[in-house]
N, C-alpha and C. Protein backbone atom coordinates (compact mmCIF):
# COMPACT_ATOMS: atom_id res chain seq x y z
N MET A 1 96.31 86.65 71.99
CA MET A 1 95.10 86.62 72.91
C MET A 1 95.41 87.51 73.95
N ALA A 2 94.26 88.52 74.20
CA ALA A 2 94.65 89.25 75.26
C ALA A 2 94.43 88.71 76.83
N GLU A 3 95.05 89.23 77.61
CA GLU A 3 94.93 88.68 79.01
C GLU A 3 93.50 89.22 79.53
N GLU A 4 92.68 88.46 80.33
CA GLU A 4 91.78 88.83 81.05
C GLU A 4 92.11 88.58 82.55
N VAL A 5 91.92 89.53 83.14
CA VAL A 5 92.25 89.42 84.78
C VAL A 5 90.86 90.15 85.60
N ILE A 6 90.49 89.36 86.14
CA ILE A 6 89.15 89.80 86.76
C ILE A 6 89.43 89.48 88.14
N LEU A 7 89.20 90.53 89.46
CA LEU A 7 89.33 90.34 90.58
C LEU A 7 87.85 90.52 91.58
N LEU A 8 87.60 89.47 91.90
CA LEU A 8 86.00 89.27 92.66
C LEU A 8 86.54 89.79 94.19
N ASP A 9 86.00 90.67 94.46
CA ASP A 9 86.64 91.62 95.71
C ASP A 9 85.36 91.91 96.69
N PHE A 10 85.51 92.55 97.62
CA PHE A 10 84.63 93.52 98.71
C PHE A 10 85.43 94.43 99.08
N TRP A 11 85.12 95.73 98.95
CA TRP A 11 86.24 96.73 99.37
C TRP A 11 86.59 96.74 100.66
N PRO A 12 85.87 96.33 101.73
CA PRO A 12 86.78 96.38 103.18
C PRO A 12 87.57 95.41 103.33
N SER A 13 87.78 94.23 102.50
CA SER A 13 88.68 93.00 102.73
C SER A 13 89.77 93.49 102.68
N LEU A 14 90.54 92.91 103.96
CA LEU A 14 92.00 93.17 103.73
C LEU A 14 92.74 92.54 102.90
N PHE A 15 92.16 90.96 102.89
CA PHE A 15 92.95 90.17 101.52
C PHE A 15 92.74 90.76 100.16
N GLY A 16 91.47 91.41 99.85
CA GLY A 16 91.49 92.16 98.61
C GLY A 16 92.26 93.28 98.42
N MET A 17 92.33 94.10 99.63
CA MET A 17 93.27 95.34 99.37
C MET A 17 94.72 94.69 99.19
N ARG A 18 95.15 93.66 99.61
CA ARG A 18 96.29 93.11 99.18
C ARG A 18 96.64 92.74 97.97
N ALA A 19 95.40 92.29 97.70
CA ALA A 19 95.29 91.53 95.92
C ALA A 19 95.47 92.78 95.10
N ARG A 20 94.97 94.01 95.59
CA ARG A 20 94.75 95.24 94.82
C ARG A 20 95.95 95.54 94.63
N ILE A 21 96.71 95.90 95.82
CA ILE A 21 98.08 96.41 95.73
C ILE A 21 99.06 95.74 94.99
N ALA A 22 99.08 94.41 94.98
CA ALA A 22 100.03 93.63 94.40
C ALA A 22 99.64 93.64 93.09
N LEU A 23 98.62 93.53 92.46
CA LEU A 23 98.40 93.84 90.84
C LEU A 23 98.80 95.10 90.33
N ARG A 24 98.53 96.11 91.13
CA ARG A 24 98.96 97.24 90.66
C ARG A 24 100.64 97.65 90.89
N GLU A 25 101.25 97.05 91.90
CA GLU A 25 102.56 96.90 91.97
C GLU A 25 103.07 96.42 90.54
N LYS A 26 102.56 95.46 90.21
CA LYS A 26 103.33 94.71 88.91
C LYS A 26 102.56 94.94 87.78
N GLY A 27 101.77 96.41 87.71
CA GLY A 27 101.29 97.07 86.52
C GLY A 27 100.08 95.90 85.63
N VAL A 28 99.74 94.99 86.35
CA VAL A 28 98.71 94.17 85.95
C VAL A 28 97.33 95.02 85.74
N GLU A 29 96.87 95.12 84.72
CA GLU A 29 95.31 95.53 84.70
C GLU A 29 94.40 94.78 84.97
N PHE A 30 93.48 94.96 85.78
CA PHE A 30 92.51 94.23 85.84
C PHE A 30 91.01 94.76 86.28
N ASP A 31 89.86 93.95 85.67
CA ASP A 31 88.60 94.39 86.28
C ASP A 31 88.40 93.96 87.66
N THR A 32 87.82 94.98 88.40
CA THR A 32 87.36 94.57 89.91
C THR A 32 85.78 94.27 89.58
N ARG A 33 85.33 93.21 90.43
CA ARG A 33 83.78 92.80 90.56
C ARG A 33 83.32 93.03 91.81
N GLU A 34 82.93 93.66 92.41
CA GLU A 34 82.60 93.81 93.63
C GLU A 34 81.50 92.92 93.99
N GLU A 35 81.62 91.92 95.03
CA GLU A 35 80.72 90.90 95.54
C GLU A 35 79.90 91.65 96.75
N ASP A 36 78.80 91.17 96.68
CA ASP A 36 77.96 91.30 97.72
C ASP A 36 78.05 89.67 98.94
N MET A 37 78.60 90.04 99.79
CA MET A 37 79.02 88.74 100.43
C MET A 37 77.55 88.10 101.39
N SER A 38 76.68 88.72 101.32
CA SER A 38 75.41 88.46 101.61
C SER A 38 74.55 87.87 100.55
N ASN A 39 74.81 87.80 99.40
CA ASN A 39 74.29 87.38 98.08
C ASN A 39 75.29 86.89 97.29
N LYS A 40 75.99 85.81 97.70
CA LYS A 40 77.19 85.95 96.79
C LYS A 40 76.83 85.62 94.86
N SER A 41 77.49 86.18 94.02
CA SER A 41 77.32 85.93 92.73
C SER A 41 77.39 84.46 92.06
N PRO A 42 76.85 84.10 91.30
CA PRO A 42 77.10 82.56 90.65
C PRO A 42 78.75 82.32 90.34
N LEU A 43 79.28 83.68 89.54
CA LEU A 43 80.87 83.73 89.07
C LEU A 43 81.22 83.19 90.62
N LEU A 44 81.46 83.90 91.72
CA LEU A 44 82.19 83.70 92.88
C LEU A 44 81.90 82.11 93.51
N LEU A 45 80.89 81.60 93.28
CA LEU A 45 80.26 80.57 93.54
C LEU A 45 80.73 79.25 92.68
N THR A 46 81.04 79.65 91.48
CA THR A 46 81.70 78.70 90.57
C THR A 46 83.09 78.68 90.71
N MET A 47 83.71 80.19 90.88
CA MET A 47 85.19 80.03 90.84
C MET A 47 85.75 79.82 91.94
N ASN A 48 85.23 79.49 93.31
CA ASN A 48 85.80 79.52 94.55
C ASN A 48 84.33 78.56 95.40
N PRO A 49 84.35 77.22 94.59
CA PRO A 49 83.26 76.51 95.23
C PRO A 49 83.32 75.90 96.39
N VAL A 50 84.70 75.80 96.82
CA VAL A 50 84.89 75.16 98.54
C VAL A 50 84.55 76.34 99.42
N HIS A 51 85.35 77.47 99.37
CA HIS A 51 85.25 78.11 100.48
C HIS A 51 84.17 79.50 100.20
N LYS A 52 84.02 79.76 99.04
CA LYS A 52 83.08 80.78 98.55
C LYS A 52 83.18 82.05 99.26
N GLN A 53 84.66 82.22 98.97
CA GLN A 53 84.98 83.66 99.51
C GLN A 53 85.79 84.56 98.68
N ILE A 54 86.03 85.63 98.79
CA ILE A 54 86.76 86.53 98.02
C ILE A 54 88.14 86.73 98.99
N PRO A 55 89.35 87.21 98.11
CA PRO A 55 89.22 87.56 96.92
C PRO A 55 89.45 86.35 96.06
N VAL A 56 89.08 86.46 94.73
CA VAL A 56 89.40 85.35 93.96
C VAL A 56 89.76 86.16 92.64
N LEU A 57 91.22 85.56 92.25
CA LEU A 57 91.69 86.25 91.09
C LEU A 57 91.63 85.40 89.81
N ILE A 58 90.93 85.70 88.76
CA ILE A 58 90.51 84.74 87.50
C ILE A 58 91.20 85.32 86.63
N HIS A 59 92.40 84.76 86.14
CA HIS A 59 92.98 84.82 84.93
C HIS A 59 92.89 84.12 83.86
N ASN A 60 92.30 84.72 82.62
CA ASN A 60 91.80 83.92 81.55
C ASN A 60 90.91 82.71 81.84
N GLY A 61 89.89 82.88 82.89
CA GLY A 61 89.04 81.92 83.09
C GLY A 61 89.45 81.00 84.38
N LYS A 62 90.57 80.99 84.67
CA LYS A 62 90.90 80.41 85.86
C LYS A 62 91.37 81.06 87.13
N PRO A 63 90.88 80.35 88.30
CA PRO A 63 90.76 81.13 89.47
C PRO A 63 91.86 80.79 90.30
N VAL A 64 92.31 81.74 90.94
CA VAL A 64 93.22 81.69 91.91
C VAL A 64 92.70 82.17 93.27
N CYS A 65 92.27 81.14 94.34
CA CYS A 65 91.76 81.49 95.41
C CYS A 65 92.44 81.68 96.71
N GLU A 66 93.71 81.48 96.71
CA GLU A 66 94.69 81.67 97.95
C GLU A 66 95.06 82.80 98.12
N SER A 67 95.18 83.32 99.45
CA SER A 67 95.51 84.59 99.80
C SER A 67 96.29 84.55 100.96
N LEU A 68 97.26 85.34 101.16
CA LEU A 68 98.15 85.58 102.43
C LEU A 68 97.20 85.78 103.68
N ILE A 69 97.32 84.67 104.74
CA ILE A 69 96.56 84.91 105.96
C ILE A 69 97.28 85.55 106.80
N MET A 70 96.76 86.71 107.19
CA MET A 70 97.39 87.40 108.46
C MET A 70 96.07 87.45 109.58
N ILE A 71 96.45 86.87 110.69
CA ILE A 71 95.71 87.24 111.83
C ILE A 71 96.04 88.16 112.89
N TYR A 72 95.34 89.03 113.25
CA TYR A 72 95.33 89.98 113.98
C TYR A 72 94.18 90.14 115.07
N PRO A 73 94.15 89.01 116.06
CA PRO A 73 93.12 88.75 116.74
C PRO A 73 92.57 89.84 117.52
N ALA A 74 93.61 90.64 118.18
CA ALA A 74 93.18 91.83 118.99
C ALA A 74 92.26 92.86 118.35
N SER A 75 92.79 93.08 116.93
CA SER A 75 91.94 93.90 116.39
C SER A 75 90.44 93.85 116.37
N ARG A 76 90.01 92.53 116.17
CA ARG A 76 88.58 92.25 116.41
C ARG A 76 88.13 92.29 117.61
N THR A 77 88.65 92.17 118.44
CA THR A 77 88.07 92.17 120.20
C THR A 77 88.27 93.85 120.24
N LEU A 78 89.27 94.50 119.88
CA LEU A 78 89.42 96.00 120.23
C LEU A 78 88.28 96.70 119.68
N TRP A 79 87.48 96.80 118.57
CA TRP A 79 86.29 97.57 118.10
C TRP A 79 85.18 96.84 118.84
N ARG A 80 85.09 95.86 119.02
CA ARG A 80 83.70 95.06 119.54
C ARG A 80 83.54 94.95 121.08
N SER A 81 84.44 95.57 121.73
CA SER A 81 84.47 94.83 123.27
C SER A 81 84.45 96.10 123.86
N LYS A 82 84.24 95.92 125.16
CA LYS A 82 84.63 97.21 125.99
C LYS A 82 84.95 96.65 127.30
N GLY A 83 85.28 97.99 128.46
CA GLY A 83 86.10 97.38 129.56
C GLY A 83 87.25 96.84 129.83
N GLU A 84 87.19 95.73 130.57
CA GLU A 84 88.85 95.03 130.62
C GLU A 84 89.03 94.12 129.36
N ALA A 85 87.93 93.60 128.56
CA ALA A 85 88.44 93.15 127.64
C ALA A 85 89.01 93.78 126.51
N GLN A 86 88.38 95.14 126.40
CA GLN A 86 89.00 95.87 125.35
C GLN A 86 90.39 96.59 125.99
N GLU A 87 90.52 96.96 127.05
CA GLU A 87 91.93 97.16 127.60
C GLU A 87 92.95 96.17 127.53
N ALA A 88 92.58 95.06 127.53
CA ALA A 88 93.61 93.91 127.14
C ALA A 88 93.78 93.93 125.77
N ALA A 89 92.78 93.75 124.90
CA ALA A 89 93.14 93.99 123.42
C ALA A 89 93.76 95.17 122.79
N LYS A 90 93.36 96.09 123.39
CA LYS A 90 94.59 97.29 122.83
C LYS A 90 95.97 97.29 123.40
N LYS A 91 96.07 96.70 124.59
CA LYS A 91 97.54 96.36 124.88
C LYS A 91 98.10 95.44 124.23
N GLU A 92 97.41 94.32 123.73
CA GLU A 92 98.14 93.25 123.04
C GLU A 92 98.24 93.76 121.44
N TYR A 93 97.41 94.64 121.20
CA TYR A 93 97.53 95.31 119.55
C TYR A 93 98.46 96.29 119.58
N ILE A 94 98.81 97.03 120.58
CA ILE A 94 99.69 97.91 120.83
C ILE A 94 101.15 97.28 120.79
N ASP A 95 101.27 96.19 121.50
CA ASP A 95 102.55 95.31 121.70
C ASP A 95 102.95 94.68 120.51
N CYS A 96 101.70 94.22 119.64
CA CYS A 96 101.99 93.64 118.23
C CYS A 96 102.51 94.93 117.33
N LEU A 97 101.99 96.03 117.42
CA LEU A 97 102.72 97.28 116.64
C LEU A 97 103.92 97.58 116.87
N LYS A 98 104.34 97.61 118.28
CA LYS A 98 105.75 98.25 118.82
C LYS A 98 106.55 96.82 118.19
N GLY A 99 106.13 95.80 118.27
CA GLY A 99 106.76 94.75 117.62
C GLY A 99 107.53 94.78 116.08
N LEU A 100 106.40 95.39 115.45
CA LEU A 100 106.64 95.74 113.87
C LEU A 100 107.63 97.24 113.97
N ALA A 101 107.33 98.25 114.89
CA ALA A 101 108.17 98.90 114.71
C ALA A 101 109.60 98.72 114.77
N GLY A 102 109.79 97.68 115.92
CA GLY A 102 111.05 97.25 116.05
C GLY A 102 111.68 96.85 114.96
N GLU A 103 111.04 95.79 114.23
CA GLU A 103 111.23 95.08 112.97
C GLU A 103 111.78 96.03 111.85
N LEU A 104 110.74 97.22 111.89
CA LEU A 104 110.84 98.19 110.94
C LEU A 104 112.40 99.05 111.10
N GLY A 105 112.69 99.61 112.51
CA GLY A 105 113.79 100.05 112.75
C GLY A 105 113.87 101.41 112.14
N ASP A 106 114.84 101.81 111.28
CA ASP A 106 115.08 103.14 110.82
C ASP A 106 114.84 102.97 109.34
N LYS A 107 114.49 102.01 108.85
CA LYS A 107 114.32 101.50 107.44
C LYS A 107 113.06 102.04 107.03
N ALA A 108 112.94 102.53 105.71
CA ALA A 108 111.81 103.30 105.00
C ALA A 108 110.44 102.14 104.94
N TYR A 109 111.07 101.06 104.55
CA TYR A 109 110.14 100.24 104.28
C TYR A 109 110.58 98.89 104.90
N PHE A 110 109.71 97.44 105.42
CA PHE A 110 110.25 96.47 106.03
C PHE A 110 111.05 95.60 105.00
N GLY A 111 110.91 95.82 103.87
CA GLY A 111 112.07 95.48 102.78
C GLY A 111 113.57 96.31 102.71
N GLY A 112 113.49 97.12 103.61
CA GLY A 112 114.64 98.13 103.48
C GLY A 112 114.28 99.45 102.84
N GLU A 113 114.80 99.94 101.74
CA GLU A 113 114.42 100.89 100.86
C GLU A 113 113.59 100.59 99.97
N ARG A 114 113.19 99.46 99.65
CA ARG A 114 112.11 99.08 98.46
C ARG A 114 110.92 98.28 99.34
N PHE A 115 109.90 98.88 98.54
CA PHE A 115 108.44 98.32 99.07
C PHE A 115 108.21 96.98 98.54
N ARG A 116 108.26 95.93 99.48
CA ARG A 116 108.26 94.84 99.25
C ARG A 116 106.67 93.88 99.85
N TYR A 117 106.92 92.64 99.65
CA TYR A 117 106.04 91.68 99.94
C TYR A 117 105.38 92.02 101.57
N LEU A 118 106.29 92.23 102.61
CA LEU A 118 105.95 92.27 103.71
C LEU A 118 104.96 93.60 104.06
N ASP A 119 105.78 94.58 103.29
CA ASP A 119 104.69 96.16 103.16
C ASP A 119 103.16 95.80 102.53
N VAL A 120 103.14 95.16 101.66
CA VAL A 120 101.85 94.95 100.80
C VAL A 120 101.29 94.06 101.75
N SER A 121 101.63 93.14 102.55
CA SER A 121 101.02 92.36 103.56
C SER A 121 100.18 93.20 104.60
N LEU A 122 100.97 93.96 105.05
CA LEU A 122 100.91 94.88 106.38
C LEU A 122 100.09 96.11 106.14
N ILE A 123 100.10 96.75 104.83
CA ILE A 123 99.62 98.13 105.04
C ILE A 123 98.08 98.11 104.92
N PRO A 124 97.16 97.12 104.32
CA PRO A 124 95.94 97.23 104.60
C PRO A 124 95.32 97.37 106.09
N PHE A 125 96.10 97.18 107.04
CA PHE A 125 96.05 97.20 108.32
C PHE A 125 95.75 98.55 108.81
N TYR A 126 96.56 99.36 108.12
CA TYR A 126 96.58 100.93 108.28
C TYR A 126 95.07 101.82 108.15
N CYS A 127 94.25 101.21 107.17
CA CYS A 127 93.22 101.68 107.12
C CYS A 127 92.12 101.68 108.33
N PHE A 128 92.48 100.40 109.15
CA PHE A 128 91.61 100.04 110.29
C PHE A 128 92.03 100.90 111.35
N PHE A 129 93.18 101.84 111.44
CA PHE A 129 93.48 102.57 112.65
C PHE A 129 92.59 103.58 113.20
N TYR A 130 91.95 104.21 112.27
CA TYR A 130 91.05 105.17 113.09
C TYR A 130 89.99 104.81 113.46
N ALA A 131 89.40 103.39 112.82
CA ALA A 131 88.37 102.79 113.82
C ALA A 131 88.60 102.31 114.98
N LEU A 132 89.71 101.51 115.08
CA LEU A 132 90.32 100.96 116.40
C LEU A 132 90.69 102.19 117.23
N GLU A 133 91.34 103.31 117.10
CA GLU A 133 91.45 104.29 117.88
C GLU A 133 90.06 105.00 118.49
N THR A 134 89.39 105.17 117.51
CA THR A 134 88.08 105.79 117.86
C THR A 134 87.39 104.87 118.74
N SER A 135 87.05 103.56 118.60
CA SER A 135 86.37 102.90 119.26
C SER A 135 86.98 102.52 120.61
N ALA A 136 88.29 102.69 120.89
CA ALA A 136 89.24 102.24 121.78
C ALA A 136 89.97 103.38 122.64
N ASN A 137 89.60 104.51 122.09
CA ASN A 137 89.94 105.96 122.82
C ASN A 137 91.51 105.73 123.08
N PHE A 138 92.24 105.80 122.03
CA PHE A 138 93.90 105.75 122.08
C PHE A 138 94.36 106.12 120.76
N SER A 139 95.64 106.42 120.70
CA SER A 139 96.36 106.96 119.62
C SER A 139 97.57 106.35 119.24
N ILE A 140 97.51 105.84 117.82
CA ILE A 140 98.44 104.64 117.40
C ILE A 140 99.45 105.75 117.14
N VAL A 141 99.33 106.78 116.67
CA VAL A 141 100.80 107.51 116.51
C VAL A 141 101.37 108.09 117.76
N GLU A 142 100.84 108.14 119.04
CA GLU A 142 101.47 108.22 120.12
C GLU A 142 102.16 107.00 120.49
N GLU A 143 101.53 105.70 120.47
CA GLU A 143 102.00 104.80 120.68
C GLU A 143 103.01 104.17 119.75
N CYS A 144 103.14 104.06 118.69
CA CYS A 144 103.65 103.70 117.53
C CYS A 144 103.86 104.62 116.53
N PRO A 145 104.84 105.76 116.75
CA PRO A 145 104.86 106.80 115.65
C PRO A 145 105.65 106.12 114.44
N LYS A 146 106.66 105.12 114.36
CA LYS A 146 107.20 104.42 113.54
C LYS A 146 106.52 103.95 112.61
N VAL A 147 105.35 103.04 113.09
CA VAL A 147 104.42 102.61 112.25
C VAL A 147 103.41 103.30 111.44
N VAL A 148 103.10 104.25 112.22
CA VAL A 148 102.43 105.59 111.17
C VAL A 148 103.20 106.31 110.15
N ALA A 149 104.33 106.45 110.53
CA ALA A 149 105.14 107.18 109.53
C ALA A 149 105.39 106.23 108.44
N TRP A 150 105.54 105.15 108.61
CA TRP A 150 105.80 103.96 107.73
C TRP A 150 104.29 104.05 106.69
N ALA A 151 103.31 103.88 107.61
CA ALA A 151 102.15 103.94 106.62
C ALA A 151 101.66 104.89 105.93
N LYS A 152 102.09 106.24 106.59
CA LYS A 152 102.12 107.38 105.35
C LYS A 152 102.89 107.20 104.35
N GLN A 153 103.75 106.81 104.43
CA GLN A 153 104.98 106.85 103.32
C GLN A 153 104.36 105.77 102.19
N CYS A 154 104.11 104.72 102.62
CA CYS A 154 103.15 103.50 101.87
C CYS A 154 102.08 104.46 101.13
N MET A 155 101.13 105.20 101.73
CA MET A 155 99.78 105.91 101.37
C MET A 155 100.57 106.61 100.31
N GLN A 156 101.75 107.08 100.04
CA GLN A 156 102.07 107.80 98.93
C GLN A 156 102.39 107.13 97.62
N ARG A 157 102.46 105.66 97.73
CA ARG A 157 102.50 105.06 96.47
C ARG A 157 101.02 104.93 95.97
N GLU A 158 101.21 105.17 94.65
CA GLU A 158 99.54 105.19 94.07
C GLU A 158 99.15 103.79 94.10
N SER A 159 99.69 102.78 94.06
CA SER A 159 99.12 101.37 93.99
C SER A 159 98.45 101.13 95.61
N VAL A 160 99.12 101.89 96.72
CA VAL A 160 98.41 101.67 97.73
C VAL A 160 97.30 102.85 98.20
N ALA A 161 97.48 103.95 97.57
CA ALA A 161 96.54 104.99 97.60
C ALA A 161 95.00 104.83 97.03
N LYS A 162 95.37 103.96 95.63
CA LYS A 162 94.21 103.54 95.03
C LYS A 162 93.50 102.38 95.61
N SER A 163 94.37 101.48 96.40
CA SER A 163 93.59 100.20 96.72
C SER A 163 92.94 100.19 98.25
N LEU A 164 93.44 101.26 98.87
CA LEU A 164 92.85 101.23 100.53
C LEU A 164 91.57 102.13 100.46
N PRO A 165 90.77 101.71 100.98
CA PRO A 165 89.50 102.41 101.38
C PRO A 165 89.58 103.56 102.36
N ASP A 166 89.06 104.47 102.34
CA ASP A 166 88.92 105.95 103.21
C ASP A 166 88.78 105.39 104.44
N GLN A 167 89.48 105.75 105.31
CA GLN A 167 89.42 105.34 106.91
C GLN A 167 87.98 105.79 107.64
N GLY A 168 87.56 106.74 107.49
CA GLY A 168 86.06 107.21 107.73
C GLY A 168 84.72 106.37 107.16
N LYS A 169 84.96 105.94 105.84
CA LYS A 169 84.04 104.89 105.32
C LYS A 169 84.11 103.81 106.06
N LEU A 170 85.51 103.40 106.02
CA LEU A 170 85.65 101.86 106.73
C LEU A 170 84.98 101.89 108.07
N TYR A 171 85.44 102.89 108.93
CA TYR A 171 84.63 102.90 110.38
C TYR A 171 83.45 103.00 110.12
N ASP A 172 82.38 103.88 109.42
CA ASP A 172 81.07 103.84 109.10
C ASP A 172 80.48 102.45 109.02
N PHE A 173 81.31 101.47 108.01
CA PHE A 173 80.94 100.15 107.83
C PHE A 173 81.03 99.71 109.01
N LEU A 174 82.05 99.42 109.96
CA LEU A 174 82.19 98.62 110.85
C LEU A 174 81.29 99.33 112.04
N LEU A 175 80.71 100.22 111.88
CA LEU A 175 79.55 100.55 113.10
C LEU A 175 78.35 99.81 112.64
N VAL A 176 77.89 99.83 111.26
CA VAL A 176 76.96 99.08 110.81
C VAL A 176 77.21 97.47 111.08
N VAL A 177 78.42 97.03 111.05
CA VAL A 177 78.55 95.75 111.20
C VAL A 177 78.18 95.37 112.71
N LYS A 178 79.04 96.39 113.47
CA LYS A 178 78.87 96.23 115.20
C LYS A 178 77.53 95.95 115.56
N LYS A 179 76.62 96.99 114.88
CA LYS A 179 75.23 97.15 115.28
C LYS A 179 74.47 95.66 115.02
N LYS A 180 74.89 95.18 113.86
CA LYS A 180 74.10 93.99 113.42
C LYS A 180 74.48 92.79 114.30
N LEU A 181 75.92 93.02 114.91
CA LEU A 181 76.43 91.83 115.64
C LEU A 181 75.67 91.77 116.96
N GLN A 182 75.61 92.94 117.45
CA GLN A 182 74.94 93.40 118.48
C GLN A 182 73.29 93.07 118.59
N ALA A 183 73.09 93.07 117.63
CA ALA A 183 71.22 92.55 117.50
C ALA A 183 71.13 90.94 117.31
N GLN A 184 72.27 90.50 117.31
CA GLN A 184 72.13 88.94 116.98
C GLN A 184 72.23 88.30 118.06
């Protein structure tokens, strides 16, 4: 019996990016079904009836709805705020990245010389760097060059490069979201 693996996803989702990277790292072939989060499909509602969120991995008809939960509250505030609130969020975000740089040290990856779980968990944040830098007028490479070097090394992995969206495309998407939030 052939294995059927479907990933219900939404391209800018950090959690979806992690799932795509992990599946590709393991060599699992899967079909991605892009969800419209404002008009959720019957399949998503059936497979994740409680939370009705993505990603959902469906393996031979059985859903797996849990995902690593990472919270970077500063990044949300950073691109949506101005003035003192943005400066405080920028400082918090940079401090967090500097903490990661300290943990990374001189290693190629957080797992040492091998790309592992923590790398998969953190690399999706890289695709937001351009949007955050542009929105808050700062340079992550100047503040945290080790983190950027690590991210660029991760981007050389096929699984990562195929899973993360273009930073410019993500920035454009966030501008649309920001505009909608301001209109509410």
